[in-house]
N, C-alpha and C. Protein backbone atom coordinates (compact mmCIF):
# COMPACT_ATOMS: atom_id res chain seq x y z
N UNK A 1 -13.56 10.60 1.97
CA UNK A 1 -13.41 9.19 2.26
C UNK A 1 -11.92 8.86 2.32
N UNK A 2 -11.51 8.14 3.34
CA UNK A 2 -10.12 7.73 3.49
C UNK A 2 -9.78 6.60 2.54
N UNK A 3 -8.56 6.64 2.06
CA UNK A 3 -8.08 5.62 1.12
C UNK A 3 -7.07 4.71 1.79
N UNK A 4 -7.17 3.41 1.47
CA UNK A 4 -6.26 2.42 2.02
C UNK A 4 -5.71 1.58 0.87
N UNK A 5 -4.40 1.42 0.85
CA UNK A 5 -3.74 0.56 -0.12
C UNK A 5 -3.32 -0.73 0.56
N UNK A 6 -3.75 -1.85 0.01
CA UNK A 6 -3.35 -3.17 0.51
C UNK A 6 -2.32 -3.73 -0.45
N UNK A 7 -1.12 -4.00 0.05
CA UNK A 7 -0.06 -4.61 -0.76
C UNK A 7 0.12 -6.02 -0.23
N UNK A 8 -0.44 -6.98 -0.94
CA UNK A 8 -0.49 -8.37 -0.48
C UNK A 8 -0.54 -9.28 -1.71
N UNK A 9 0.38 -10.25 -1.77
CA UNK A 9 0.42 -11.13 -2.94
C UNK A 9 -0.61 -12.26 -2.89
N UNK A 10 -1.19 -12.52 -1.74
CA UNK A 10 -2.25 -13.53 -1.64
C UNK A 10 -3.58 -12.82 -1.88
N UNK A 11 -4.08 -12.94 -3.10
CA UNK A 11 -5.26 -12.18 -3.51
C UNK A 11 -6.50 -12.51 -2.69
N UNK A 12 -6.67 -13.77 -2.30
CA UNK A 12 -7.83 -14.13 -1.48
C UNK A 12 -7.83 -13.36 -0.16
N UNK A 13 -6.69 -13.31 0.49
CA UNK A 13 -6.56 -12.58 1.75
C UNK A 13 -6.79 -11.08 1.53
N UNK A 14 -6.20 -10.54 0.49
CA UNK A 14 -6.36 -9.12 0.19
C UNK A 14 -7.82 -8.76 -0.05
N UNK A 15 -8.54 -9.63 -0.74
CA UNK A 15 -9.96 -9.36 -1.02
C UNK A 15 -10.82 -9.45 0.24
N UNK A 16 -10.47 -10.33 1.16
CA UNK A 16 -11.20 -10.41 2.44
C UNK A 16 -11.02 -9.11 3.21
N UNK A 17 -9.77 -8.64 3.30
CA UNK A 17 -9.50 -7.39 3.99
C UNK A 17 -10.22 -6.23 3.31
N UNK A 18 -10.16 -6.21 1.98
CA UNK A 18 -10.83 -5.16 1.21
C UNK A 18 -12.33 -5.13 1.48
N UNK A 19 -12.96 -6.30 1.49
CA UNK A 19 -14.41 -6.37 1.74
C UNK A 19 -14.77 -5.76 3.09
N UNK A 20 -14.01 -6.11 4.13
CA UNK A 20 -14.29 -5.57 5.46
C UNK A 20 -14.11 -4.05 5.49
N UNK A 21 -13.05 -3.57 4.87
CA UNK A 21 -12.79 -2.13 4.88
C UNK A 21 -13.83 -1.36 4.08
N UNK A 22 -14.25 -1.90 2.95
CA UNK A 22 -15.27 -1.22 2.15
C UNK A 22 -16.61 -1.16 2.87
N UNK A 23 -16.90 -2.16 3.69
CA UNK A 23 -18.13 -2.11 4.50
C UNK A 23 -18.10 -0.95 5.48
N UNK A 24 -16.90 -0.54 5.86
CA UNK A 24 -16.73 0.61 6.76
C UNK A 24 -16.53 1.91 5.98
N UNK A 25 -16.79 1.84 4.67
CA UNK A 25 -16.79 3.00 3.77
C UNK A 25 -15.40 3.56 3.45
N UNK A 26 -14.39 2.71 3.50
CA UNK A 26 -13.07 3.11 3.03
C UNK A 26 -12.96 2.83 1.54
N UNK A 27 -12.19 3.65 0.85
CA UNK A 27 -11.87 3.40 -0.55
C UNK A 27 -10.58 2.57 -0.56
N UNK A 28 -10.62 1.39 -1.17
CA UNK A 28 -9.51 0.44 -1.05
C UNK A 28 -8.98 0.05 -2.43
N UNK A 29 -7.66 -0.01 -2.53
CA UNK A 29 -6.98 -0.48 -3.74
C UNK A 29 -6.07 -1.62 -3.33
N UNK A 30 -5.96 -2.64 -4.19
CA UNK A 30 -5.09 -3.79 -3.92
C UNK A 30 -3.95 -3.81 -4.93
N UNK A 31 -2.76 -4.09 -4.45
CA UNK A 31 -1.59 -4.31 -5.30
C UNK A 31 -0.99 -5.66 -4.89
N UNK A 32 -0.76 -6.54 -5.87
CA UNK A 32 -0.25 -7.87 -5.55
C UNK A 32 1.23 -8.05 -5.88
N UNK A 33 1.87 -7.03 -6.45
CA UNK A 33 3.28 -7.13 -6.83
C UNK A 33 4.07 -5.99 -6.20
N UNK A 34 5.13 -6.36 -5.51
CA UNK A 34 5.92 -5.36 -4.81
C UNK A 34 6.49 -4.27 -5.69
N UNK A 35 6.93 -4.63 -6.89
CA UNK A 35 7.56 -3.63 -7.75
C UNK A 35 6.57 -2.63 -8.35
N UNK A 36 5.28 -2.87 -8.22
CA UNK A 36 4.27 -1.93 -8.71
C UNK A 36 3.64 -1.11 -7.58
N UNK A 37 3.96 -1.47 -6.35
CA UNK A 37 3.31 -0.83 -5.19
C UNK A 37 3.60 0.66 -5.09
N UNK A 38 4.83 1.06 -5.36
CA UNK A 38 5.19 2.48 -5.23
C UNK A 38 4.46 3.31 -6.27
N UNK A 39 4.36 2.80 -7.49
CA UNK A 39 3.63 3.50 -8.55
C UNK A 39 2.16 3.68 -8.17
N UNK A 40 1.55 2.62 -7.66
CA UNK A 40 0.14 2.70 -7.26
C UNK A 40 -0.01 3.64 -6.07
N UNK A 41 0.93 3.59 -5.12
CA UNK A 41 0.91 4.49 -3.97
C UNK A 41 0.92 5.95 -4.44
N UNK A 42 1.79 6.27 -5.38
CA UNK A 42 1.90 7.65 -5.87
C UNK A 42 0.63 8.12 -6.58
N UNK A 43 -0.04 7.23 -7.29
CA UNK A 43 -1.27 7.60 -8.01
C UNK A 43 -2.49 7.64 -7.09
N UNK A 44 -2.59 6.66 -6.18
CA UNK A 44 -3.77 6.49 -5.34
C UNK A 44 -3.77 7.42 -4.12
N UNK A 45 -2.60 7.80 -3.64
CA UNK A 45 -2.45 8.69 -2.48
C UNK A 45 -3.22 8.21 -1.25
N UNK A 46 -2.91 7.00 -0.75
CA UNK A 46 -3.65 6.47 0.39
C UNK A 46 -3.27 7.16 1.71
N UNK A 47 -4.19 7.09 2.66
CA UNK A 47 -3.92 7.55 4.02
C UNK A 47 -3.22 6.48 4.83
N UNK A 48 -3.42 5.22 4.43
CA UNK A 48 -2.87 4.07 5.15
C UNK A 48 -2.45 3.01 4.14
N UNK A 49 -1.34 2.32 4.44
CA UNK A 49 -0.89 1.19 3.62
C UNK A 49 -0.81 -0.04 4.52
N UNK A 50 -1.48 -1.10 4.10
CA UNK A 50 -1.35 -2.40 4.76
C UNK A 50 -0.37 -3.18 3.90
N UNK A 51 0.80 -3.47 4.44
CA UNK A 51 1.93 -3.93 3.64
C UNK A 51 2.43 -5.29 4.09
N UNK A 52 2.38 -6.26 3.18
CA UNK A 52 2.98 -7.57 3.40
C UNK A 52 4.50 -7.40 3.27
N UNK A 53 5.26 -8.22 3.96
CA UNK A 53 6.72 -8.10 3.88
C UNK A 53 7.32 -8.96 2.77
N UNK A 54 6.76 -10.13 2.56
CA UNK A 54 7.30 -11.05 1.55
C UNK A 54 6.46 -10.96 0.28
N UNK A 55 7.00 -10.26 -0.72
CA UNK A 55 6.28 -9.99 -1.96
C UNK A 55 7.17 -10.29 -3.16
N UNK A 56 6.57 -10.62 -4.29
CA UNK A 56 7.37 -10.78 -5.51
C UNK A 56 7.79 -9.41 -6.05
N UNK A 57 8.99 -9.33 -6.60
CA UNK A 57 9.46 -8.09 -7.21
C UNK A 57 10.24 -7.20 -6.26
N UNK A 58 9.65 -6.85 -5.14
CA UNK A 58 10.30 -6.00 -4.14
C UNK A 58 9.66 -6.32 -2.79
N UNK A 59 10.49 -6.51 -1.76
CA UNK A 59 9.90 -6.87 -0.47
C UNK A 59 9.32 -5.64 0.24
N UNK A 60 8.52 -5.91 1.26
CA UNK A 60 7.82 -4.86 1.97
C UNK A 60 8.73 -3.84 2.63
N UNK A 61 9.93 -4.27 3.08
CA UNK A 61 10.86 -3.32 3.69
C UNK A 61 11.32 -2.27 2.67
N UNK A 62 11.64 -2.73 1.46
CA UNK A 62 12.09 -1.80 0.41
C UNK A 62 10.96 -0.87 -0.01
N UNK A 63 9.76 -1.40 -0.10
CA UNK A 63 8.61 -0.56 -0.44
C UNK A 63 8.44 0.53 0.61
N UNK A 64 8.51 0.15 1.87
CA UNK A 64 8.36 1.11 2.97
C UNK A 64 9.44 2.19 2.90
N UNK A 65 10.68 1.80 2.66
CA UNK A 65 11.78 2.77 2.54
C UNK A 65 11.51 3.75 1.40
N UNK A 66 11.06 3.24 0.26
CA UNK A 66 10.80 4.09 -0.90
C UNK A 66 9.63 5.03 -0.67
N UNK A 67 8.61 4.57 0.01
CA UNK A 67 7.45 5.42 0.31
C UNK A 67 7.83 6.53 1.28
N UNK A 68 8.66 6.19 2.26
CA UNK A 68 9.03 7.17 3.29
C UNK A 68 10.14 8.12 2.85
N UNK A 69 10.93 7.77 1.86
CA UNK A 69 12.08 8.58 1.44
C UNK A 69 11.71 10.03 1.12
N UNK A 70 10.67 10.30 0.34
CA UNK A 70 10.33 11.71 0.06
C UNK A 70 9.96 12.50 1.31
N UNK A 71 9.42 11.82 2.31
CA UNK A 71 9.05 12.51 3.56
C UNK A 71 10.29 13.03 4.27
N UNK A 72 11.38 12.27 4.21
CA UNK A 72 12.61 12.68 4.88
C UNK A 72 13.28 13.84 4.16
N UNK A 73 13.23 13.84 2.83
CA UNK A 73 13.93 14.88 2.07
C UNK A 73 13.14 16.18 1.97
N UNK A 74 11.83 16.13 2.15
CA UNK A 74 11.02 17.34 1.98
C UNK A 74 10.84 18.14 3.27
N UNK A 75 11.26 17.60 4.40
CA UNK A 75 11.07 18.34 5.65
C UNK A 75 12.05 19.50 5.73
N UNK A 76 11.59 20.60 6.27
CA UNK A 76 12.46 21.78 6.39
C UNK A 76 12.65 22.10 7.86
N UNK A 77 13.74 21.63 8.41
CA UNK A 77 14.05 21.87 9.83
C UNK A 77 15.07 22.96 9.97
């Protein structure tokens, strides 16, 4: 089963998205705080991240940079 992480501070919206995705048999986790998103990403290991840009703690751009950083350093060209 594919995993999806939703990083969204508006919990009502996040739950609506989660409900639709779970109906399609995705495993979904919600994170409402930007500064906790990377920790949850590392534990949950999602295939896809739905990421809000304006979040408390850390904005979506910084979260994206932090998630992608290990991918850049681990490649062997």
